[in-house]
């Protein structure tokens, strides 16, 4: 159990190199579950930007409704992997039509912070990315400024860390009905 927590903590601390904060970008009660993104997704690769090095082994991402406003995200390593399952909680914010996941780690205890991951869903392909903290000004330190930054740089790879790409494997999981 301690190894699960330790590995999960390392992954989350590494992810903390990406833009985040202590609050969700929008009110959680305004977030609604989109069944188009629930299901099982297979990791097919990533593209790194700005010397960001994401070491990601083969895995699947399972996205399920957690309640009426949030999802649970399960990163399931492939059978041959020695890595363990990682759990996260997420809710969606929409900023000027752009979709952003507010992701919070669920390891030994609930994390206090969120990492903000813009994402796009096109058919059976899901892509999400983070903004590399070293590329983000230290002056962007409140929710209003972060939201403005995300809207302004949503598609600007000069600020990206890594774009992760997944393809749908399965929908209509018994747990998501």
N, C-alpha and C. Protein backbone atom coordinates (compact mmCIF):
# COMPACT_ATOMS: atom_id res chain seq x y z
N UNK A 1 0.83 -1.20 0.00
CA UNK A 1 0.00 0.00 0.00
C UNK A 1 0.87 1.26 0.00
N UNK A 2 1.95 1.24 0.78
CA UNK A 2 2.81 2.41 0.83
C UNK A 2 3.45 2.68 -0.52
N UNK A 3 3.73 1.61 -1.28
CA UNK A 3 4.33 1.83 -2.61
C UNK A 3 3.34 2.50 -3.54
N UNK A 4 2.05 2.16 -3.42
CA UNK A 4 1.03 2.81 -4.25
C UNK A 4 1.00 4.30 -3.94
N UNK A 5 0.97 4.62 -2.67
CA UNK A 5 0.92 6.03 -2.26
C UNK A 5 2.17 6.76 -2.71
N UNK A 6 3.33 6.12 -2.53
CA UNK A 6 4.59 6.76 -2.89
C UNK A 6 4.67 7.02 -4.40
N UNK A 7 4.35 6.02 -5.20
CA UNK A 7 4.39 6.19 -6.66
C UNK A 7 3.38 7.25 -7.09
N UNK A 8 2.17 7.16 -6.52
CA UNK A 8 1.15 8.15 -6.85
C UNK A 8 1.58 9.55 -6.47
N UNK A 9 2.20 9.68 -5.32
CA UNK A 9 2.67 10.98 -4.88
C UNK A 9 3.75 11.52 -5.80
N UNK A 10 4.66 10.65 -6.23
CA UNK A 10 5.70 11.09 -7.16
C UNK A 10 5.10 11.58 -8.47
N UNK A 11 4.12 10.84 -8.99
CA UNK A 11 3.47 11.26 -10.23
C UNK A 11 2.78 12.60 -10.04
N UNK A 12 2.07 12.77 -8.92
CA UNK A 12 1.36 14.02 -8.70
C UNK A 12 2.33 15.18 -8.49
N UNK A 13 3.40 14.95 -7.74
CA UNK A 13 4.38 16.02 -7.55
C UNK A 13 5.02 16.41 -8.88
N UNK A 14 5.27 15.43 -9.73
CA UNK A 14 5.82 15.72 -11.06
C UNK A 14 4.80 16.54 -11.86
N UNK A 15 3.53 16.15 -11.73
CA UNK A 15 2.49 16.87 -12.45
C UNK A 15 2.33 18.29 -11.92
N UNK A 16 2.77 18.53 -10.68
CA UNK A 16 2.66 19.87 -10.12
C UNK A 16 3.54 20.87 -10.85
N UNK A 17 4.34 20.39 -11.80
CA UNK A 17 5.07 21.31 -12.66
C UNK A 17 4.13 21.94 -13.67
N UNK A 18 2.87 21.57 -13.59
CA UNK A 18 1.86 22.10 -14.49
C UNK A 18 0.95 23.06 -13.74
N UNK A 19 0.33 23.96 -14.49
CA UNK A 19 -0.49 25.02 -13.91
C UNK A 19 -1.63 24.47 -13.06
N UNK A 20 -1.75 24.99 -11.86
CA UNK A 20 -2.80 24.57 -10.96
C UNK A 20 -3.08 25.63 -9.92
N UNK A 21 -3.96 25.30 -8.99
CA UNK A 21 -4.32 26.22 -7.93
C UNK A 21 -5.08 25.50 -6.83
N UNK A 22 -5.51 26.25 -5.83
CA UNK A 22 -6.19 25.66 -4.68
C UNK A 22 -7.71 25.64 -4.83
N UNK A 23 -8.22 26.20 -5.93
CA UNK A 23 -9.67 26.21 -6.15
C UNK A 23 -9.96 25.75 -7.57
N UNK A 24 -11.18 25.26 -7.77
CA UNK A 24 -11.61 24.93 -9.13
C UNK A 24 -11.81 26.24 -9.89
N UNK A 25 -11.72 26.17 -11.21
CA UNK A 25 -11.83 27.38 -12.02
C UNK A 25 -13.25 27.93 -12.07
N UNK A 26 -14.24 27.06 -11.91
CA UNK A 26 -15.64 27.48 -11.87
C UNK A 26 -16.33 26.75 -10.72
N UNK A 27 -17.53 27.16 -10.41
CA UNK A 27 -18.28 26.56 -9.31
C UNK A 27 -18.56 25.09 -9.61
N UNK A 28 -18.20 24.18 -8.70
CA UNK A 28 -18.43 22.75 -8.94
C UNK A 28 -19.89 22.40 -9.20
N UNK A 29 -20.81 23.12 -8.60
CA UNK A 29 -22.24 22.83 -8.81
C UNK A 29 -22.68 23.10 -10.24
N UNK A 30 -21.93 23.92 -10.98
CA UNK A 30 -22.28 24.23 -12.37
C UNK A 30 -21.73 23.19 -13.35
N UNK A 31 -20.87 22.33 -12.86
CA UNK A 31 -20.30 21.29 -13.71
C UNK A 31 -21.31 20.16 -13.86
N UNK A 32 -21.43 19.64 -15.07
CA UNK A 32 -22.33 18.50 -15.30
C UNK A 32 -21.55 17.37 -15.96
N UNK A 33 -22.00 16.16 -15.72
CA UNK A 33 -21.35 14.98 -16.29
C UNK A 33 -21.67 14.91 -17.79
N UNK A 34 -20.64 14.73 -18.59
CA UNK A 34 -20.78 14.54 -20.03
C UNK A 34 -20.48 13.07 -20.31
N UNK A 35 -21.50 12.29 -20.62
CA UNK A 35 -21.30 10.86 -20.84
C UNK A 35 -20.44 10.57 -22.06
N UNK A 36 -20.21 11.55 -22.91
CA UNK A 36 -19.35 11.35 -24.08
C UNK A 36 -17.89 11.11 -23.69
N UNK A 37 -17.51 11.54 -22.48
CA UNK A 37 -16.11 11.31 -22.08
C UNK A 37 -15.97 10.16 -21.08
N UNK A 38 -17.09 9.60 -20.63
CA UNK A 38 -16.98 8.45 -19.73
C UNK A 38 -16.65 7.20 -20.53
N UNK A 39 -15.97 6.27 -19.88
CA UNK A 39 -15.60 5.02 -20.53
C UNK A 39 -14.14 4.69 -20.32
N UNK A 40 -13.64 3.77 -21.14
CA UNK A 40 -12.25 3.32 -21.05
C UNK A 40 -11.49 3.89 -22.24
N UNK A 41 -10.35 4.50 -21.95
CA UNK A 41 -9.50 5.14 -22.96
C UNK A 41 -8.10 4.54 -22.88
N UNK A 42 -7.54 4.20 -24.02
CA UNK A 42 -6.20 3.62 -24.10
C UNK A 42 -5.20 4.72 -24.45
N UNK A 43 -4.13 4.83 -23.66
CA UNK A 43 -3.07 5.79 -23.93
C UNK A 43 -2.33 5.37 -25.19
N UNK A 44 -2.22 6.30 -26.16
CA UNK A 44 -1.54 5.97 -27.42
C UNK A 44 -0.28 6.80 -27.63
N UNK A 45 -0.02 7.75 -26.74
CA UNK A 45 1.22 8.52 -26.86
C UNK A 45 1.08 9.93 -26.35
N UNK A 46 2.23 10.60 -26.33
CA UNK A 46 2.25 12.00 -25.90
C UNK A 46 3.26 12.76 -26.74
N UNK A 47 3.05 14.04 -26.79
CA UNK A 47 4.00 14.93 -27.46
C UNK A 47 4.46 15.95 -26.44
N UNK A 48 5.78 16.00 -26.24
CA UNK A 48 6.35 16.89 -25.24
C UNK A 48 6.69 18.25 -25.86
N UNK A 49 6.53 19.28 -25.05
CA UNK A 49 6.86 20.64 -25.45
C UNK A 49 7.76 21.26 -24.39
N UNK A 50 8.56 22.24 -24.79
CA UNK A 50 9.33 23.07 -23.85
C UNK A 50 10.22 22.28 -22.90
N UNK A 51 10.87 21.26 -23.41
CA UNK A 51 11.77 20.41 -22.63
C UNK A 51 11.09 19.74 -21.44
N UNK A 52 9.79 19.61 -21.49
CA UNK A 52 9.05 18.88 -20.46
C UNK A 52 9.16 17.40 -20.79
N UNK A 53 9.58 16.60 -19.82
CA UNK A 53 9.74 15.17 -20.07
C UNK A 53 8.73 14.38 -19.24
N UNK A 54 7.73 13.86 -19.92
CA UNK A 54 6.72 13.04 -19.28
C UNK A 54 7.06 11.58 -19.55
N UNK A 55 7.37 10.86 -18.52
CA UNK A 55 7.67 9.43 -18.67
C UNK A 55 6.38 8.67 -18.36
N UNK A 56 5.69 8.25 -19.40
CA UNK A 56 4.42 7.58 -19.23
C UNK A 56 4.48 6.19 -19.84
N UNK A 57 4.21 5.20 -19.03
CA UNK A 57 4.16 3.83 -19.50
C UNK A 57 2.77 3.52 -20.06
N UNK A 58 2.64 2.44 -20.83
CA UNK A 58 1.33 2.08 -21.37
C UNK A 58 0.30 1.91 -20.24
N UNK A 59 -0.87 2.48 -20.46
CA UNK A 59 -1.93 2.41 -19.46
C UNK A 59 -3.27 2.71 -20.11
N UNK A 60 -4.32 2.51 -19.34
CA UNK A 60 -5.67 2.90 -19.74
C UNK A 60 -6.18 3.92 -18.75
N UNK A 61 -7.04 4.78 -19.22
CA UNK A 61 -7.69 5.79 -18.38
C UNK A 61 -9.17 5.45 -18.34
N UNK A 62 -9.68 5.20 -17.16
CA UNK A 62 -11.10 4.92 -16.99
C UNK A 62 -11.73 6.15 -16.36
N UNK A 63 -12.75 6.68 -17.03
CA UNK A 63 -13.45 7.88 -16.54
C UNK A 63 -14.88 7.49 -16.21
N UNK A 64 -15.26 7.67 -14.95
CA UNK A 64 -16.60 7.32 -14.49
C UNK A 64 -17.22 8.49 -13.74
N UNK A 65 -18.56 8.60 -13.76
CA UNK A 65 -19.20 9.61 -12.93
C UNK A 65 -18.94 9.29 -11.45
N UNK A 66 -18.58 10.31 -10.68
CA UNK A 66 -18.35 10.16 -9.25
C UNK A 66 -19.62 10.58 -8.50
N UNK A 67 -20.21 11.65 -8.96
CA UNK A 67 -21.50 12.13 -8.47
C UNK A 67 -22.11 12.95 -9.62
N UNK A 68 -23.04 13.84 -9.35
CA UNK A 68 -23.68 14.59 -10.44
C UNK A 68 -22.77 15.63 -11.08
N UNK A 69 -21.68 15.99 -10.41
CA UNK A 69 -20.83 17.07 -10.90
C UNK A 69 -19.38 16.68 -11.13
N UNK A 70 -18.98 15.51 -10.67
CA UNK A 70 -17.56 15.14 -10.72
C UNK A 70 -17.37 13.74 -11.30
N UNK A 71 -16.15 13.52 -11.75
CA UNK A 71 -15.75 12.22 -12.28
C UNK A 71 -14.69 11.62 -11.36
N UNK A 72 -14.53 10.31 -11.44
CA UNK A 72 -13.37 9.65 -10.87
C UNK A 72 -12.54 9.18 -12.06
N UNK A 73 -11.23 9.43 -11.99
CA UNK A 73 -10.31 9.02 -13.05
C UNK A 73 -9.40 7.94 -12.49
N UNK A 74 -9.31 6.83 -13.21
CA UNK A 74 -8.45 5.73 -12.79
C UNK A 74 -7.41 5.49 -13.88
N UNK A 75 -6.15 5.65 -13.53
CA UNK A 75 -5.06 5.35 -14.45
C UNK A 75 -4.63 3.91 -14.15
N UNK A 76 -4.99 3.00 -15.07
CA UNK A 76 -4.73 1.57 -14.90
C UNK A 76 -3.52 1.17 -15.73
N UNK A 77 -2.43 0.77 -15.09
CA UNK A 77 -1.26 0.33 -15.85
C UNK A 77 -1.56 -0.96 -16.60
N UNK A 78 -0.86 -1.18 -17.72
CA UNK A 78 -1.02 -2.42 -18.46
C UNK A 78 -0.62 -3.60 -17.59
N UNK A 79 -1.08 -4.78 -17.96
CA UNK A 79 -0.83 -6.00 -17.17
C UNK A 79 0.64 -6.25 -16.91
N UNK A 80 1.50 -5.93 -17.86
CA UNK A 80 2.94 -6.21 -17.72
C UNK A 80 3.66 -5.18 -16.85
N UNK A 81 2.98 -4.15 -16.45
CA UNK A 81 3.62 -3.06 -15.71
C UNK A 81 3.76 -3.39 -14.22
N UNK A 82 4.75 -2.79 -13.61
CA UNK A 82 4.92 -2.92 -12.15
C UNK A 82 4.30 -1.72 -11.43
N UNK A 83 3.75 -0.79 -12.19
CA UNK A 83 3.12 0.39 -11.59
C UNK A 83 1.76 0.03 -11.01
N UNK A 84 1.24 0.90 -10.17
CA UNK A 84 -0.04 0.67 -9.51
C UNK A 84 -1.10 1.63 -10.02
N UNK A 85 -2.33 1.29 -9.72
CA UNK A 85 -3.47 2.12 -10.06
C UNK A 85 -3.35 3.49 -9.40
N UNK A 86 -3.69 4.54 -10.15
CA UNK A 86 -3.72 5.90 -9.60
C UNK A 86 -5.14 6.44 -9.71
N UNK A 87 -5.62 7.08 -8.67
CA UNK A 87 -6.98 7.62 -8.64
C UNK A 87 -6.96 9.14 -8.52
N UNK A 88 -7.88 9.76 -9.27
CA UNK A 88 -8.04 11.20 -9.23
C UNK A 88 -9.53 11.52 -9.27
N UNK A 89 -9.86 12.70 -8.82
CA UNK A 89 -11.21 13.24 -8.93
C UNK A 89 -11.12 14.44 -9.85
N UNK A 90 -12.13 14.64 -10.69
CA UNK A 90 -12.10 15.78 -11.61
C UNK A 90 -13.49 16.35 -11.82
N UNK A 91 -13.52 17.62 -12.13
CA UNK A 91 -14.75 18.27 -12.57
C UNK A 91 -14.40 19.14 -13.76
N UNK A 92 -15.38 19.39 -14.59
CA UNK A 92 -15.14 20.17 -15.80
C UNK A 92 -15.55 21.62 -15.62
N UNK A 93 -14.69 22.50 -16.11
CA UNK A 93 -15.01 23.93 -16.22
C UNK A 93 -15.07 24.26 -17.69
N UNK A 94 -15.97 25.15 -18.04
CA UNK A 94 -16.02 25.65 -19.42
C UNK A 94 -15.76 27.15 -19.37
N UNK A 95 -14.72 27.55 -20.10
CA UNK A 95 -14.33 28.96 -20.16
C UNK A 95 -14.40 29.40 -21.61
N UNK A 96 -15.34 30.25 -21.93
CA UNK A 96 -15.52 30.72 -23.31
C UNK A 96 -15.57 29.56 -24.29
N UNK A 97 -16.31 28.53 -23.94
CA UNK A 97 -16.47 27.36 -24.81
C UNK A 97 -15.32 26.37 -24.75
N UNK A 98 -14.29 26.68 -24.00
CA UNK A 98 -13.14 25.77 -23.89
C UNK A 98 -13.34 24.88 -22.66
N UNK A 99 -12.93 23.61 -22.80
CA UNK A 99 -13.13 22.63 -21.74
C UNK A 99 -11.83 22.43 -20.95
N UNK A 100 -11.96 22.51 -19.63
CA UNK A 100 -10.81 22.34 -18.75
C UNK A 100 -11.20 21.38 -17.62
N UNK A 101 -10.37 20.37 -17.39
CA UNK A 101 -10.57 19.47 -16.26
C UNK A 101 -9.79 20.02 -15.06
N UNK A 102 -10.47 20.11 -13.93
CA UNK A 102 -9.86 20.49 -12.66
C UNK A 102 -9.61 19.17 -11.94
N UNK A 103 -8.36 18.74 -11.87
CA UNK A 103 -8.02 17.39 -11.41
C UNK A 103 -7.37 17.43 -10.03
N UNK A 104 -7.85 16.56 -9.16
CA UNK A 104 -7.37 16.49 -7.78
C UNK A 104 -6.99 15.04 -7.47
N UNK A 105 -5.82 14.85 -6.88
CA UNK A 105 -5.33 13.50 -6.56
C UNK A 105 -6.12 12.89 -5.40
N UNK A 106 -6.35 11.59 -5.49
CA UNK A 106 -7.00 10.82 -4.42
C UNK A 106 -6.05 9.70 -4.01
N UNK A 107 -5.01 10.03 -3.29
CA UNK A 107 -4.06 9.01 -2.87
C UNK A 107 -4.35 8.62 -1.44
N UNK A 108 -3.42 8.84 -0.54
CA UNK A 108 -3.61 8.50 0.86
C UNK A 108 -4.70 9.38 1.47
N UNK A 109 -4.71 10.64 1.05
CA UNK A 109 -5.75 11.57 1.47
C UNK A 109 -6.00 12.51 0.30
N UNK A 110 -7.09 13.24 0.36
CA UNK A 110 -7.44 14.15 -0.71
C UNK A 110 -6.42 15.28 -0.81
N UNK A 111 -5.93 15.51 -2.00
CA UNK A 111 -4.99 16.60 -2.23
C UNK A 111 -5.70 17.94 -2.04
N UNK A 112 -4.97 18.94 -1.62
CA UNK A 112 -5.57 20.26 -1.42
C UNK A 112 -5.66 21.06 -2.70
N UNK A 113 -4.86 20.72 -3.69
CA UNK A 113 -4.81 21.52 -4.90
C UNK A 113 -5.36 20.81 -6.12
N UNK A 114 -5.51 21.59 -7.18
CA UNK A 114 -6.00 21.10 -8.46
C UNK A 114 -4.96 21.41 -9.53
N UNK A 115 -4.87 20.54 -10.52
CA UNK A 115 -4.10 20.82 -11.72
C UNK A 115 -5.13 21.04 -12.82
N UNK A 116 -4.92 22.06 -13.65
CA UNK A 116 -5.87 22.40 -14.70
C UNK A 116 -5.39 21.83 -16.03
N UNK A 117 -6.23 20.97 -16.62
CA UNK A 117 -5.89 20.32 -17.89
C UNK A 117 -6.94 20.66 -18.95
N UNK A 118 -6.60 21.55 -19.89
CA UNK A 118 -7.48 21.74 -21.03
C UNK A 118 -7.59 20.41 -21.78
N UNK A 119 -8.73 20.17 -22.41
CA UNK A 119 -8.88 18.93 -23.17
C UNK A 119 -9.80 19.13 -24.36
N UNK A 120 -9.65 18.22 -25.33
CA UNK A 120 -10.50 18.20 -26.51
C UNK A 120 -10.94 16.77 -26.76
N UNK A 121 -12.19 16.62 -27.13
CA UNK A 121 -12.75 15.32 -27.49
C UNK A 121 -13.20 15.41 -28.94
N UNK A 122 -12.61 14.56 -29.77
CA UNK A 122 -12.99 14.51 -31.19
C UNK A 122 -13.29 13.06 -31.53
N UNK A 123 -14.57 12.74 -31.63
CA UNK A 123 -14.96 11.36 -31.90
C UNK A 123 -14.47 10.44 -30.80
N UNK A 124 -13.67 9.45 -31.17
CA UNK A 124 -13.13 8.50 -30.20
C UNK A 124 -11.71 8.83 -29.78
N UNK A 125 -11.33 10.09 -29.87
CA UNK A 125 -9.99 10.53 -29.46
C UNK A 125 -10.12 11.62 -28.40
N UNK A 126 -9.40 11.43 -27.31
CA UNK A 126 -9.37 12.39 -26.21
C UNK A 126 -7.94 12.87 -26.04
N UNK A 127 -7.74 14.17 -26.06
CA UNK A 127 -6.41 14.75 -25.83
C UNK A 127 -6.50 15.75 -24.69
N UNK A 128 -5.53 15.70 -23.79
CA UNK A 128 -5.46 16.73 -22.76
C UNK A 128 -4.01 17.13 -22.55
N UNK A 129 -3.82 18.32 -22.02
CA UNK A 129 -2.48 18.86 -21.83
C UNK A 129 -2.46 19.79 -20.63
N UNK A 130 -1.26 20.07 -20.18
CA UNK A 130 -1.07 21.02 -19.10
C UNK A 130 -0.26 22.20 -19.59
N UNK A 131 -0.23 23.23 -18.77
CA UNK A 131 0.63 24.38 -19.05
C UNK A 131 1.84 24.27 -18.13
N UNK A 132 3.02 24.28 -18.72
CA UNK A 132 4.27 24.10 -17.99
C UNK A 132 4.53 25.33 -17.13
N UNK A 133 4.63 25.12 -15.81
CA UNK A 133 4.78 26.24 -14.86
C UNK A 133 5.96 27.15 -15.17
N UNK A 134 7.05 26.61 -15.68
CA UNK A 134 8.22 27.46 -15.95
C UNK A 134 7.93 28.45 -17.07
N UNK A 135 6.89 28.21 -17.85
CA UNK A 135 6.51 29.12 -18.94
C UNK A 135 5.43 30.11 -18.53
N UNK A 136 4.87 29.92 -17.34
CA UNK A 136 3.78 30.77 -16.86
C UNK A 136 4.35 31.79 -15.89
N UNK A 137 4.00 33.04 -16.08
CA UNK A 137 4.48 34.12 -15.22
C UNK A 137 4.07 33.91 -13.77
N UNK A 138 4.97 34.23 -12.85
CA UNK A 138 4.66 34.16 -11.42
C UNK A 138 3.58 35.17 -11.04
N UNK A 139 3.35 36.15 -11.89
CA UNK A 139 2.35 37.17 -11.60
C UNK A 139 0.93 36.63 -11.78
N UNK A 140 0.79 35.50 -12.45
CA UNK A 140 -0.52 34.88 -12.63
C UNK A 140 -0.77 34.04 -11.38
N UNK A 141 -1.36 34.67 -10.38
CA UNK A 141 -1.45 34.01 -9.08
C UNK A 141 -2.85 33.98 -8.48
N UNK A 142 -3.87 34.34 -9.25
CA UNK A 142 -5.22 34.22 -8.72
C UNK A 142 -6.12 33.61 -9.80
N UNK A 143 -7.28 33.16 -9.37
CA UNK A 143 -8.17 32.42 -10.27
C UNK A 143 -8.56 33.22 -11.50
N UNK A 144 -8.84 34.48 -11.34
CA UNK A 144 -9.24 35.32 -12.47
C UNK A 144 -8.12 35.40 -13.51
N UNK A 145 -6.89 35.59 -13.05
CA UNK A 145 -5.75 35.68 -13.97
C UNK A 145 -5.46 34.33 -14.63
N UNK A 146 -5.62 33.25 -13.88
CA UNK A 146 -5.40 31.91 -14.44
C UNK A 146 -6.43 31.63 -15.53
N UNK A 147 -7.69 31.96 -15.28
CA UNK A 147 -8.73 31.75 -16.29
C UNK A 147 -8.43 32.54 -17.56
N UNK A 148 -8.03 33.78 -17.39
CA UNK A 148 -7.69 34.62 -18.54
C UNK A 148 -6.51 34.02 -19.31
N UNK A 149 -5.49 33.55 -18.59
CA UNK A 149 -4.32 32.93 -19.22
C UNK A 149 -4.73 31.70 -20.02
N UNK A 150 -5.56 30.83 -19.43
CA UNK A 150 -5.97 29.61 -20.12
C UNK A 150 -6.75 29.93 -21.39
N UNK A 151 -7.66 30.87 -21.31
CA UNK A 151 -8.43 31.26 -22.50
C UNK A 151 -7.49 31.80 -23.58
N UNK A 152 -6.58 32.66 -23.19
CA UNK A 152 -5.67 33.30 -24.14
C UNK A 152 -4.70 32.30 -24.77
N UNK A 153 -4.24 31.29 -24.02
CA UNK A 153 -3.19 30.38 -24.49
C UNK A 153 -3.68 28.94 -24.66
N UNK A 154 -4.98 28.75 -24.79
CA UNK A 154 -5.57 27.41 -24.87
C UNK A 154 -4.90 26.53 -25.93
N UNK A 155 -4.58 27.09 -27.08
CA UNK A 155 -3.97 26.33 -28.18
C UNK A 155 -2.52 26.72 -28.44
N UNK A 156 -1.90 27.43 -27.53
CA UNK A 156 -0.54 27.95 -27.73
C UNK A 156 0.50 26.98 -27.18
N UNK A 157 1.12 26.20 -28.06
CA UNK A 157 2.09 25.18 -27.63
C UNK A 157 3.34 25.77 -26.98
N UNK A 158 3.55 27.07 -27.10
CA UNK A 158 4.69 27.70 -26.42
C UNK A 158 4.59 27.58 -24.90
N UNK A 159 3.39 27.28 -24.39
CA UNK A 159 3.17 27.17 -22.95
C UNK A 159 2.86 25.75 -22.50
N UNK A 160 2.73 24.82 -23.42
CA UNK A 160 2.33 23.45 -23.09
C UNK A 160 3.45 22.69 -22.39
N UNK A 161 3.05 21.69 -21.63
CA UNK A 161 3.99 20.72 -21.08
C UNK A 161 3.99 19.49 -21.98
N UNK A 162 2.92 18.76 -21.98
CA UNK A 162 2.83 17.53 -22.75
C UNK A 162 1.37 17.31 -23.14
N UNK A 163 1.14 16.96 -24.40
CA UNK A 163 -0.21 16.60 -24.84
C UNK A 163 -0.32 15.08 -24.79
N UNK A 164 -1.27 14.59 -23.99
CA UNK A 164 -1.49 13.15 -23.86
C UNK A 164 -2.67 12.77 -24.75
N UNK A 165 -2.51 11.69 -25.51
CA UNK A 165 -3.55 11.28 -26.46
C UNK A 165 -4.06 9.88 -26.10
N UNK A 166 -5.39 9.75 -26.12
CA UNK A 166 -6.07 8.50 -25.79
C UNK A 166 -7.10 8.19 -26.88
N UNK A 167 -7.34 6.90 -27.11
CA UNK A 167 -8.42 6.47 -28.00
C UNK A 167 -9.40 5.64 -27.18
N UNK A 168 -10.67 5.77 -27.54
CA UNK A 168 -11.72 5.06 -26.81
C UNK A 168 -11.60 3.56 -27.07
N UNK A 169 -11.69 2.81 -25.97
CA UNK A 169 -11.68 1.36 -26.05
C UNK A 169 -13.08 0.82 -25.81
N UNK A 170 -13.76 1.40 -24.83
CA UNK A 170 -15.06 0.88 -24.45
C UNK A 170 -15.92 1.99 -23.86
N UNK A 171 -17.19 1.94 -24.21
CA UNK A 171 -18.16 2.86 -23.61
C UNK A 171 -19.21 2.02 -22.88
N UNK A 172 -20.18 2.67 -22.34
CA UNK A 172 -21.30 2.00 -21.68
C UNK A 172 -20.85 0.99 -20.63
N UNK A 173 -19.98 1.40 -19.76
CA UNK A 173 -19.57 0.54 -18.66
C UNK A 173 -20.75 0.35 -17.72
N UNK A 174 -20.89 -0.83 -17.14
CA UNK A 174 -22.02 -1.05 -16.23
C UNK A 174 -22.07 -0.04 -15.09
N UNK A 175 -20.90 0.43 -14.62
CA UNK A 175 -20.87 1.38 -13.50
C UNK A 175 -21.29 2.78 -13.90
N UNK A 176 -21.29 3.08 -15.21
CA UNK A 176 -21.59 4.45 -15.63
C UNK A 176 -23.04 4.65 -16.05
N UNK A 177 -23.87 3.65 -15.87
CA UNK A 177 -25.29 3.79 -16.25
C UNK A 177 -26.08 4.43 -15.16
